Amino acid sequence: MLDALLHKWTGPVASAAARRLAWNPLAAAFAAFALGLAALPVIGMHYYLPGLALLVLSRPLAGLAAAAARRCNDSHALVVMSVFDAVVFAGMPFFGFALGDPARALACVFLTFALAVNIASAFAFATGDGPARGGIWNTEIIIAIAFACVFPEHFAIVAYVLGVLCFVASGARVAAGIAERKPS
């Protein structure tokens, strides 16, 4: 939902930077992925704000990678970036928050399952332009993770709210996809 709005502001800047820097899309995607993965154990060790900083630093690199991939018409790089994002975001509940406090395990399992359903529904109804639009995407997930890092004692609430939103958005996406593909 918020990704499209944010992209209107950041897209032109990322496209201009990608043109000037002439980065390899996969190299930028790997760098963003490495920063995102580095955030997981840092958060797991209760260094919430440095972990959040690593995750936030990965996002401009991911944006540059996406802009570079679009500039080169490299659909493979766009798919790889989507997989990298899914791995980092699905790993965040377990390797970030559950390892830091095993009492959070149930909330982590719920959120991880909800994120998996969200990702699966997006790719199940993908178009030629990429994953299905709408629903819960990177911006909403990062906002939730940021809130959980700033207020880690409220992680369970964040996990359940984001999980429910993922399930609702996925249900709506599936219903819309089925209705759209129904034979006349």
N, C-alpha and C. Protein backbone atom coordinates (compact mmCIF):
# COMPACT_ATOMS: atom_id res chain seq x y z
N MET A 1 0.82 -1.18 0.00
CA MET A 1 0.00 0.00 0.00
C MET A 1 0.87 1.26 0.00
N LEU A 2 1.81 1.33 0.94
CA LEU A 2 2.65 2.51 1.05
C LEU A 2 3.82 2.50 0.07
N ASP A 3 4.20 1.34 -0.44
CA ASP A 3 5.33 1.27 -1.37
C ASP A 3 5.08 2.13 -2.60
N ALA A 4 3.88 2.09 -3.15
CA ALA A 4 3.57 2.86 -4.36
C ALA A 4 3.69 4.36 -4.09
N LEU A 5 3.21 4.80 -2.94
CA LEU A 5 3.31 6.22 -2.58
C LEU A 5 4.76 6.62 -2.38
N LEU A 6 5.50 5.80 -1.67
CA LEU A 6 6.92 6.10 -1.42
C LEU A 6 7.71 6.08 -2.73
N HIS A 7 7.36 5.16 -3.63
CA HIS A 7 8.07 5.05 -4.90
C HIS A 7 7.89 6.32 -5.75
N LYS A 8 6.75 6.99 -5.62
CA LYS A 8 6.55 8.23 -6.37
C LYS A 8 7.59 9.27 -5.99
N TRP A 9 7.99 9.28 -4.73
CA TRP A 9 8.99 10.25 -4.26
C TRP A 9 10.41 9.78 -4.51
N THR A 10 10.66 8.49 -4.24
CA THR A 10 12.04 8.00 -4.30
C THR A 10 12.42 7.45 -5.67
N GLY A 11 11.43 7.03 -6.44
CA GLY A 11 11.72 6.42 -7.75
C GLY A 11 12.54 7.29 -8.67
N PRO A 12 12.14 8.55 -8.89
CA PRO A 12 12.94 9.40 -9.79
C PRO A 12 14.37 9.63 -9.28
N VAL A 13 14.53 9.76 -7.97
CA VAL A 13 15.87 9.95 -7.40
C VAL A 13 16.71 8.69 -7.60
N ALA A 14 16.11 7.53 -7.33
CA ALA A 14 16.83 6.26 -7.50
C ALA A 14 17.18 6.03 -8.96
N SER A 15 16.27 6.35 -9.86
CA SER A 15 16.54 6.17 -11.30
C SER A 15 17.70 7.06 -11.75
N ALA A 16 17.69 8.32 -11.30
CA ALA A 16 18.77 9.24 -11.66
C ALA A 16 20.10 8.76 -11.08
N ALA A 17 20.09 8.30 -9.84
CA ALA A 17 21.31 7.80 -9.21
C ALA A 17 21.80 6.54 -9.92
N ALA A 18 20.88 5.66 -10.30
CA ALA A 18 21.26 4.43 -10.99
C ALA A 18 21.90 4.74 -12.35
N ARG A 19 21.39 5.76 -13.03
CA ARG A 19 21.97 6.16 -14.32
C ARG A 19 23.40 6.69 -14.11
N ARG A 20 23.57 7.54 -13.10
CA ARG A 20 24.88 8.15 -12.85
C ARG A 20 25.90 7.13 -12.35
N LEU A 21 25.47 6.25 -11.46
CA LEU A 21 26.41 5.31 -10.85
C LEU A 21 26.70 4.11 -11.75
N ALA A 22 25.77 3.78 -12.63
CA ALA A 22 25.90 2.63 -13.54
C ALA A 22 26.28 1.36 -12.78
N TRP A 23 25.59 1.09 -11.69
CA TRP A 23 25.84 -0.10 -10.88
C TRP A 23 25.27 -1.34 -11.52
N ASN A 24 25.91 -2.43 -11.23
CA ASN A 24 25.37 -3.73 -11.60
C ASN A 24 24.19 -4.01 -10.66
N PRO A 25 23.00 -4.29 -11.19
CA PRO A 25 21.84 -4.49 -10.32
C PRO A 25 22.03 -5.63 -9.31
N LEU A 26 22.63 -6.72 -9.74
CA LEU A 26 22.81 -7.85 -8.82
C LEU A 26 23.82 -7.53 -7.72
N ALA A 27 24.86 -6.78 -8.05
CA ALA A 27 25.84 -6.40 -7.03
C ALA A 27 25.18 -5.52 -5.96
N ALA A 28 24.38 -4.57 -6.39
CA ALA A 28 23.68 -3.71 -5.43
C ALA A 28 22.66 -4.52 -4.62
N ALA A 29 22.00 -5.48 -5.28
CA ALA A 29 21.04 -6.33 -4.57
C ALA A 29 21.75 -7.18 -3.51
N PHE A 30 22.91 -7.73 -3.85
CA PHE A 30 23.67 -8.52 -2.88
C PHE A 30 24.12 -7.66 -1.70
N ALA A 31 24.53 -6.43 -1.98
CA ALA A 31 24.95 -5.53 -0.90
C ALA A 31 23.77 -5.22 0.03
N ALA A 32 22.62 -4.95 -0.54
CA ALA A 32 21.42 -4.69 0.27
C ALA A 32 21.05 -5.93 1.08
N PHE A 33 21.14 -7.09 0.46
CA PHE A 33 20.83 -8.35 1.14
C PHE A 33 21.80 -8.59 2.30
N ALA A 34 23.08 -8.34 2.08
CA ALA A 34 24.07 -8.53 3.14
C ALA A 34 23.79 -7.62 4.34
N LEU A 35 23.45 -6.37 4.07
CA LEU A 35 23.12 -5.46 5.17
C LEU A 35 21.87 -5.92 5.91
N GLY A 36 20.86 -6.36 5.16
CA GLY A 36 19.63 -6.85 5.79
C GLY A 36 19.89 -8.08 6.63
N LEU A 37 20.68 -9.00 6.11
CA LEU A 37 21.02 -10.21 6.89
C LEU A 37 21.85 -9.87 8.12
N ALA A 38 22.73 -8.90 8.00
CA ALA A 38 23.56 -8.49 9.15
C ALA A 38 22.70 -7.94 10.28
N ALA A 39 21.56 -7.38 9.93
CA ALA A 39 20.66 -6.83 10.96
C ALA A 39 20.08 -7.92 11.86
N LEU A 40 19.90 -9.13 11.33
CA LEU A 40 19.22 -10.19 12.08
C LEU A 40 19.94 -10.56 13.38
N PRO A 41 21.22 -10.94 13.35
CA PRO A 41 21.86 -11.29 14.62
C PRO A 41 22.07 -10.09 15.53
N VAL A 42 22.23 -8.92 14.95
CA VAL A 42 22.40 -7.72 15.77
C VAL A 42 21.14 -7.49 16.60
N ILE A 43 19.99 -7.59 15.98
CA ILE A 43 18.72 -7.46 16.71
C ILE A 43 18.57 -8.60 17.70
N GLY A 44 18.98 -9.80 17.29
CA GLY A 44 18.91 -10.95 18.18
C GLY A 44 19.75 -10.80 19.44
N MET A 45 20.80 -9.99 19.35
CA MET A 45 21.65 -9.73 20.52
C MET A 45 21.17 -8.52 21.32
N HIS A 46 19.96 -8.07 21.05
CA HIS A 46 19.32 -6.96 21.75
C HIS A 46 19.91 -5.60 21.41
N TYR A 47 20.63 -5.50 20.32
CA TYR A 47 21.11 -4.21 19.83
C TYR A 47 20.11 -3.74 18.78
N TYR A 48 18.94 -3.36 19.26
CA TYR A 48 17.81 -3.09 18.38
C TYR A 48 18.05 -1.91 17.43
N LEU A 49 18.54 -0.81 17.96
CA LEU A 49 18.71 0.36 17.10
C LEU A 49 19.83 0.18 16.08
N PRO A 50 21.00 -0.38 16.45
CA PRO A 50 21.99 -0.65 15.39
C PRO A 50 21.47 -1.66 14.34
N GLY A 51 20.71 -2.65 14.79
CA GLY A 51 20.12 -3.59 13.83
C GLY A 51 19.15 -2.90 12.90
N LEU A 52 18.34 -2.03 13.46
CA LEU A 52 17.41 -1.25 12.64
C LEU A 52 18.18 -0.38 11.66
N ALA A 53 19.28 0.22 12.12
CA ALA A 53 20.09 1.06 11.23
C ALA A 53 20.61 0.26 10.04
N LEU A 54 21.07 -0.97 10.28
CA LEU A 54 21.54 -1.81 9.18
C LEU A 54 20.41 -2.10 8.19
N LEU A 55 19.23 -2.42 8.73
CA LEU A 55 18.09 -2.70 7.86
C LEU A 55 17.72 -1.46 7.04
N VAL A 56 17.68 -0.31 7.69
CA VAL A 56 17.31 0.93 7.00
C VAL A 56 18.36 1.29 5.95
N LEU A 57 19.64 1.06 6.25
CA LEU A 57 20.70 1.33 5.27
C LEU A 57 20.60 0.41 4.05
N SER A 58 20.04 -0.77 4.23
CA SER A 58 19.90 -1.69 3.10
C SER A 58 18.85 -1.21 2.09
N ARG A 59 17.90 -0.42 2.54
CA ARG A 59 16.78 -0.04 1.67
C ARG A 59 17.17 0.88 0.52
N PRO A 60 18.00 1.92 0.73
CA PRO A 60 18.41 2.71 -0.45
C PRO A 60 19.20 1.88 -1.47
N LEU A 61 20.01 0.94 -0.97
CA LEU A 61 20.73 0.06 -1.90
C LEU A 61 19.76 -0.80 -2.69
N ALA A 62 18.73 -1.30 -2.02
CA ALA A 62 17.72 -2.09 -2.72
C ALA A 62 17.00 -1.24 -3.76
N GLY A 63 16.71 0.00 -3.41
CA GLY A 63 16.07 0.91 -4.36
C GLY A 63 16.95 1.19 -5.57
N LEU A 64 18.25 1.38 -5.32
CA LEU A 64 19.19 1.59 -6.43
C LEU A 64 19.30 0.33 -7.29
N ALA A 65 19.31 -0.82 -6.64
CA ALA A 65 19.38 -2.08 -7.39
C ALA A 65 18.15 -2.24 -8.28
N ALA A 66 16.98 -1.93 -7.74
CA ALA A 66 15.75 -2.04 -8.54
C ALA A 66 15.77 -1.05 -9.70
N ALA A 67 16.21 0.18 -9.45
CA ALA A 67 16.27 1.17 -10.51
C ALA A 67 17.27 0.75 -11.58
N ALA A 68 18.41 0.22 -11.15
CA ALA A 68 19.42 -0.25 -12.12
C ALA A 68 18.87 -1.43 -12.93
N ALA A 69 18.15 -2.32 -12.27
CA ALA A 69 17.57 -3.47 -12.98
C ALA A 69 16.54 -3.01 -14.01
N ARG A 70 15.72 -2.04 -13.63
CA ARG A 70 14.72 -1.53 -14.59
C ARG A 70 15.41 -0.85 -15.77
N ARG A 71 16.47 -0.10 -15.46
CA ARG A 71 17.22 0.60 -16.51
C ARG A 71 17.81 -0.39 -17.51
N CYS A 72 18.27 -1.54 -17.02
CA CYS A 72 18.88 -2.57 -17.87
C CYS A 72 17.86 -3.59 -18.38
N ASN A 73 16.59 -3.43 -18.02
CA ASN A 73 15.56 -4.43 -18.34
C ASN A 73 15.96 -5.82 -17.85
N ASP A 74 16.49 -5.87 -16.62
CA ASP A 74 16.97 -7.11 -16.04
C ASP A 74 15.91 -7.66 -15.08
N SER A 75 14.97 -8.44 -15.63
CA SER A 75 13.90 -8.99 -14.81
C SER A 75 14.44 -10.02 -13.82
N HIS A 76 15.52 -10.70 -14.17
CA HIS A 76 16.13 -11.68 -13.25
C HIS A 76 16.58 -10.99 -11.96
N ALA A 77 17.20 -9.83 -12.08
CA ALA A 77 17.66 -9.10 -10.89
C ALA A 77 16.47 -8.68 -10.03
N LEU A 78 15.36 -8.29 -10.66
CA LEU A 78 14.18 -7.91 -9.89
C LEU A 78 13.62 -9.10 -9.11
N VAL A 79 13.62 -10.26 -9.71
CA VAL A 79 13.15 -11.47 -9.01
C VAL A 79 14.10 -11.81 -7.87
N VAL A 80 15.39 -11.75 -8.12
CA VAL A 80 16.37 -12.03 -7.08
C VAL A 80 16.19 -11.08 -5.90
N MET A 81 15.95 -9.80 -6.19
CA MET A 81 15.75 -8.83 -5.11
C MET A 81 14.48 -9.15 -4.31
N SER A 82 13.44 -9.58 -4.98
CA SER A 82 12.22 -9.96 -4.27
C SER A 82 12.47 -11.15 -3.35
N VAL A 83 13.25 -12.10 -3.82
CA VAL A 83 13.60 -13.27 -2.99
C VAL A 83 14.45 -12.83 -1.80
N PHE A 84 15.44 -11.97 -2.05
CA PHE A 84 16.28 -11.48 -0.96
C PHE A 84 15.45 -10.76 0.11
N ASP A 85 14.53 -9.90 -0.33
CA ASP A 85 13.66 -9.20 0.63
C ASP A 85 12.83 -10.20 1.43
N ALA A 86 12.29 -11.20 0.75
CA ALA A 86 11.47 -12.21 1.44
C ALA A 86 12.30 -12.94 2.49
N VAL A 87 13.53 -13.29 2.16
CA VAL A 87 14.40 -13.99 3.11
C VAL A 87 14.68 -13.12 4.33
N VAL A 88 15.03 -11.88 4.11
CA VAL A 88 15.34 -10.99 5.24
C VAL A 88 14.10 -10.75 6.09
N PHE A 89 12.97 -10.45 5.46
CA PHE A 89 11.77 -10.14 6.23
C PHE A 89 11.21 -11.36 6.94
N ALA A 90 11.30 -12.53 6.30
CA ALA A 90 10.84 -13.75 6.97
C ALA A 90 11.80 -14.17 8.08
N GLY A 91 13.07 -13.86 7.91
CA GLY A 91 14.05 -14.20 8.94
C GLY A 91 14.03 -13.28 10.14
N MET A 92 13.51 -12.09 9.96
CA MET A 92 13.52 -11.10 11.04
C MET A 92 12.80 -11.58 12.30
N PRO A 93 11.59 -12.14 12.20
CA PRO A 93 10.94 -12.58 13.45
C PRO A 93 11.76 -13.63 14.19
N PHE A 94 12.24 -14.65 13.46
CA PHE A 94 12.95 -15.73 14.14
C PHE A 94 14.35 -15.34 14.56
N PHE A 95 15.16 -14.97 13.59
CA PHE A 95 16.57 -14.74 13.90
C PHE A 95 16.81 -13.39 14.54
N GLY A 96 15.89 -12.47 14.37
CA GLY A 96 16.02 -11.19 15.04
C GLY A 96 15.41 -11.20 16.43
N PHE A 97 14.14 -11.53 16.49
CA PHE A 97 13.41 -11.34 17.74
C PHE A 97 13.26 -12.60 18.59
N ALA A 98 13.03 -13.75 17.99
CA ALA A 98 12.82 -14.97 18.79
C ALA A 98 14.11 -15.43 19.45
N LEU A 99 15.22 -15.35 18.73
CA LEU A 99 16.49 -15.76 19.34
C LEU A 99 16.88 -14.83 20.48
N GLY A 100 16.50 -13.57 20.36
CA GLY A 100 16.79 -12.61 21.43
C GLY A 100 15.95 -12.84 22.66
N ASP A 101 14.75 -13.35 22.47
CA ASP A 101 13.85 -13.62 23.59
C ASP A 101 12.92 -14.76 23.17
N PRO A 102 13.25 -16.00 23.57
CA PRO A 102 12.45 -17.16 23.16
C PRO A 102 10.98 -17.08 23.58
N ALA A 103 10.63 -16.24 24.53
CA ALA A 103 9.23 -16.09 24.93
C ALA A 103 8.40 -15.49 23.79
N ARG A 104 9.06 -14.91 22.80
CA ARG A 104 8.36 -14.32 21.66
C ARG A 104 8.08 -15.34 20.55
N ALA A 105 8.42 -16.58 20.75
CA ALA A 105 8.38 -17.58 19.68
C ALA A 105 7.01 -17.70 19.02
N LEU A 106 5.93 -17.72 19.79
CA LEU A 106 4.60 -17.88 19.19
C LEU A 106 4.26 -16.70 18.29
N ALA A 107 4.53 -15.50 18.75
CA ALA A 107 4.28 -14.31 17.93
C ALA A 107 5.15 -14.35 16.67
N CYS A 108 6.37 -14.83 16.81
CA CYS A 108 7.29 -14.93 15.67
C CYS A 108 6.79 -15.95 14.64
N VAL A 109 6.32 -17.09 15.11
CA VAL A 109 5.78 -18.10 14.20
C VAL A 109 4.57 -17.56 13.45
N PHE A 110 3.68 -16.89 14.17
CA PHE A 110 2.49 -16.31 13.56
C PHE A 110 2.89 -15.31 12.48
N LEU A 111 3.81 -14.42 12.80
CA LEU A 111 4.23 -13.40 11.83
C LEU A 111 4.94 -14.02 10.64
N THR A 112 5.81 -14.97 10.88
CA THR A 112 6.53 -15.61 9.78
C THR A 112 5.55 -16.31 8.83
N PHE A 113 4.57 -17.01 9.39
CA PHE A 113 3.55 -17.66 8.56
C PHE A 113 2.77 -16.62 7.76
N ALA A 114 2.39 -15.54 8.40
CA ALA A 114 1.63 -14.48 7.72
C ALA A 114 2.46 -13.86 6.60
N LEU A 115 3.75 -13.63 6.84
CA LEU A 115 4.61 -13.09 5.79
C LEU A 115 4.75 -14.07 4.62
N ALA A 116 4.85 -15.35 4.94
CA ALA A 116 4.94 -16.37 3.87
C ALA A 116 3.67 -16.38 3.03
N VAL A 117 2.52 -16.29 3.67
CA VAL A 117 1.25 -16.25 2.94
C VAL A 117 1.19 -14.99 2.08
N ASN A 118 1.62 -13.87 2.64
CA ASN A 118 1.64 -12.60 1.91
C ASN A 118 2.50 -12.71 0.66
N ILE A 119 3.68 -13.25 0.81
CA ILE A 119 4.60 -13.40 -0.33
C ILE A 119 4.04 -14.38 -1.36
N ALA A 120 3.52 -15.49 -0.88
CA ALA A 120 2.96 -16.50 -1.80
C ALA A 120 1.78 -15.93 -2.59
N SER A 121 0.90 -15.20 -1.93
CA SER A 121 -0.25 -14.64 -2.64
C SER A 121 0.19 -13.59 -3.65
N ALA A 122 1.24 -12.86 -3.33
CA ALA A 122 1.73 -11.84 -4.27
C ALA A 122 2.28 -12.49 -5.53
N PHE A 123 3.05 -13.55 -5.37
CA PHE A 123 3.63 -14.20 -6.54
C PHE A 123 2.63 -15.09 -7.27
N ALA A 124 1.64 -15.58 -6.56
CA ALA A 124 0.62 -16.39 -7.22
C ALA A 124 -0.18 -15.57 -8.23
N PHE A 125 -0.35 -14.30 -7.95
CA PHE A 125 -1.12 -13.44 -8.83
C PHE A 125 -0.25 -12.36 -9.44
N ALA A 126 1.00 -12.71 -9.68
CA ALA A 126 1.94 -11.78 -10.30
C ALA A 126 1.54 -11.50 -11.74
N THR A 127 1.95 -10.35 -12.19
CA THR A 127 1.72 -9.96 -13.58
C THR A 127 3.08 -9.94 -14.27
N GLY A 128 3.09 -9.58 -15.52
CA GLY A 128 4.35 -9.44 -16.24
C GLY A 128 5.24 -8.35 -15.66
N ASP A 129 4.64 -7.44 -14.89
CA ASP A 129 5.40 -6.34 -14.29
C ASP A 129 6.00 -6.73 -12.95
N GLY A 130 5.75 -7.94 -12.48
CA GLY A 130 6.29 -8.36 -11.19
C GLY A 130 5.19 -8.84 -10.27
N PRO A 131 5.48 -8.92 -8.98
CA PRO A 131 4.48 -9.42 -8.03
C PRO A 131 3.21 -8.57 -8.05
N ALA A 132 2.12 -9.18 -7.62
CA ALA A 132 0.84 -8.49 -7.56
C ALA A 132 0.96 -7.23 -6.71
N ARG A 133 0.31 -6.21 -7.11
CA ARG A 133 0.35 -4.93 -6.37
C ARG A 133 -0.67 -4.95 -5.25
N GLY A 134 -0.55 -3.95 -4.37
CA GLY A 134 -1.47 -3.85 -3.25
C GLY A 134 -1.01 -4.73 -2.10
N GLY A 135 -1.68 -4.60 -1.00
CA GLY A 135 -1.36 -5.44 0.14
C GLY A 135 -0.24 -4.89 0.99
N ILE A 136 0.37 -5.77 1.76
CA ILE A 136 1.43 -5.40 2.69
C ILE A 136 2.77 -5.64 2.01
N TRP A 137 3.59 -4.61 1.92
CA TRP A 137 4.88 -4.73 1.26
C TRP A 137 5.98 -4.17 2.13
N ASN A 138 7.12 -3.91 1.54
CA ASN A 138 8.32 -3.54 2.28
C ASN A 138 8.14 -2.38 3.24
N THR A 139 7.50 -1.32 2.80
CA THR A 139 7.38 -0.13 3.64
C THR A 139 6.62 -0.44 4.92
N GLU A 140 5.50 -1.13 4.82
CA GLU A 140 4.73 -1.47 6.01
C GLU A 140 5.51 -2.41 6.93
N ILE A 141 6.22 -3.35 6.33
CA ILE A 141 7.00 -4.31 7.12
C ILE A 141 8.13 -3.59 7.84
N ILE A 142 8.81 -2.69 7.16
CA ILE A 142 9.91 -1.96 7.79
C ILE A 142 9.39 -1.05 8.89
N ILE A 143 8.25 -0.42 8.68
CA ILE A 143 7.67 0.41 9.75
C ILE A 143 7.38 -0.44 10.97
N ALA A 144 6.82 -1.63 10.76
CA ALA A 144 6.53 -2.53 11.89
C ALA A 144 7.82 -2.97 12.59
N ILE A 145 8.84 -3.32 11.81
CA ILE A 145 10.11 -3.73 12.41
C ILE A 145 10.73 -2.56 13.17
N ALA A 146 10.64 -1.36 12.60
CA ALA A 146 11.18 -0.18 13.29
C ALA A 146 10.47 0.02 14.63
N PHE A 147 9.16 -0.09 14.62
CA PHE A 147 8.40 0.06 15.86
C PHE A 147 8.82 -1.00 16.87
N ALA A 148 9.00 -2.24 16.40
CA ALA A 148 9.42 -3.33 17.30
C ALA A 148 10.84 -3.11 17.82
N CYS A 149 11.69 -2.50 17.02
CA CYS A 149 13.06 -2.22 17.49
C CYS A 149 13.09 -1.07 18.50
N VAL A 150 12.26 -0.08 18.29
CA VAL A 150 12.21 1.05 19.23
C VAL A 150 11.49 0.66 20.52
N PHE A 151 10.48 -0.19 20.39
CA PHE A 151 9.70 -0.64 21.55
C PHE A 151 9.69 -2.17 21.59
N PRO A 152 10.84 -2.81 21.85
CA PRO A 152 10.91 -4.27 21.77
C PRO A 152 9.98 -4.99 22.74
N GLU A 153 9.62 -4.35 23.82
CA GLU A 153 8.70 -4.99 24.76
C GLU A 153 7.30 -5.16 24.17
N HIS A 154 7.02 -4.48 23.07
CA HIS A 154 5.73 -4.57 22.40
C HIS A 154 5.80 -5.40 21.11
N PHE A 155 6.86 -6.20 20.96
CA PHE A 155 7.02 -6.97 19.74
C PHE A 155 5.82 -7.84 19.43
N ALA A 156 5.29 -8.52 20.44
CA ALA A 156 4.17 -9.44 20.20
C ALA A 156 2.98 -8.70 19.59
N ILE A 157 2.68 -7.54 20.09
CA ILE A 157 1.56 -6.76 19.55
C ILE A 157 1.82 -6.40 18.10
N VAL A 158 3.04 -5.93 17.82
CA VAL A 158 3.42 -5.58 16.45
C VAL A 158 3.29 -6.80 15.54
N ALA A 159 3.79 -7.94 16.01
CA ALA A 159 3.77 -9.17 15.21
C ALA A 159 2.34 -9.59 14.89
N TYR A 160 1.47 -9.56 15.89
CA TYR A 160 0.10 -10.00 15.65
C TYR A 160 -0.66 -9.01 14.76
N VAL A 161 -0.45 -7.72 14.95
CA VAL A 161 -1.14 -6.73 14.11
C VAL A 161 -0.66 -6.85 12.66
N LEU A 162 0.67 -6.90 12.46
CA LEU A 162 1.19 -7.03 11.10
C LEU A 162 0.76 -8.35 10.48
N GLY A 163 0.77 -9.43 11.27
CA GLY A 163 0.34 -10.72 10.77
C GLY A 163 -1.11 -10.71 10.30
N VAL A 164 -1.98 -10.13 11.09
CA VAL A 164 -3.40 -10.04 10.70
C VAL A 164 -3.54 -9.21 9.43
N LEU A 165 -2.82 -8.09 9.36
CA LEU A 165 -2.88 -7.26 8.15
C LEU A 165 -2.40 -8.04 6.92
N CYS A 166 -1.35 -8.85 7.09
CA CYS A 166 -0.87 -9.68 5.98
C CYS A 166 -1.94 -10.68 5.54
N PHE A 167 -2.60 -11.32 6.50
CA PHE A 167 -3.65 -12.29 6.15
C PHE A 167 -4.82 -11.61 5.45
N VAL A 168 -5.24 -10.46 5.94
CA VAL A 168 -6.36 -9.73 5.32
C VAL A 168 -5.98 -9.30 3.90
N ALA A 169 -4.80 -8.72 3.75
CA ALA A 169 -4.35 -8.26 2.43
C ALA A 169 -4.21 -9.44 1.48
N SER A 170 -3.70 -10.56 1.96
CA SER A 170 -3.55 -11.75 1.12
C SER A 170 -4.89 -12.31 0.69
N GLY A 171 -5.83 -12.34 1.63
CA GLY A 171 -7.18 -12.80 1.29
C GLY A 171 -7.81 -11.93 0.23
N ALA A 172 -7.65 -10.62 0.38
CA ALA A 172 -8.20 -9.69 -0.62
C ALA A 172 -7.51 -9.88 -1.96
N ARG A 173 -6.19 -10.09 -1.95
CA ARG A 173 -5.44 -10.30 -3.19
C ARG A 173 -5.89 -11.58 -3.88
N VAL A 174 -6.07 -12.65 -3.12
CA VAL A 174 -6.50 -13.92 -3.68
C VAL A 174 -7.91 -13.79 -4.26
N ALA A 175 -8.81 -13.16 -3.50
CA ALA A 175 -10.18 -12.98 -3.98
C ALA A 175 -10.21 -12.17 -5.27
N ALA A 176 -9.43 -11.08 -5.31
CA ALA A 176 -9.38 -10.25 -6.52
C ALA A 176 -8.76 -11.02 -7.68
N GLY A 177 -7.71 -11.79 -7.40
CA GLY A 177 -7.07 -12.57 -8.46
C GLY A 177 -7.97 -13.63 -9.04
N ILE A 178 -8.73 -14.30 -8.17
CA ILE A 178 -9.67 -15.32 -8.64
C ILE A 178 -10.78 -14.68 -9.46
N ALA A 179 -11.33 -13.57 -8.96
CA ALA A 179 -12.40 -12.89 -9.69
C ALA A 179 -11.92 -12.41 -11.06
N GLU A 180 -10.68 -11.93 -11.09
CA GLU A 180 -10.12 -11.43 -12.34
C GLU A 180 -9.90 -12.54 -13.38
N ARG A 181 -9.60 -13.73 -12.91
CA ARG A 181 -9.27 -14.82 -13.81
C ARG A 181 -10.45 -15.77 -14.08
N LYS A 182 -11.61 -15.48 -13.52
CA LYS A 182 -12.79 -16.32 -13.75
C LYS A 182 -13.17 -16.31 -15.20
N PRO A 183 -13.45 -17.47 -15.74
CA PRO A 183 -13.91 -17.49 -17.14
C PRO A 183 -15.28 -16.82 -17.24
N SER A 184 -15.49 -16.12 -18.32
CA SER A 184 -16.75 -15.40 -18.49
C SER A 184 -17.89 -16.30 -18.81
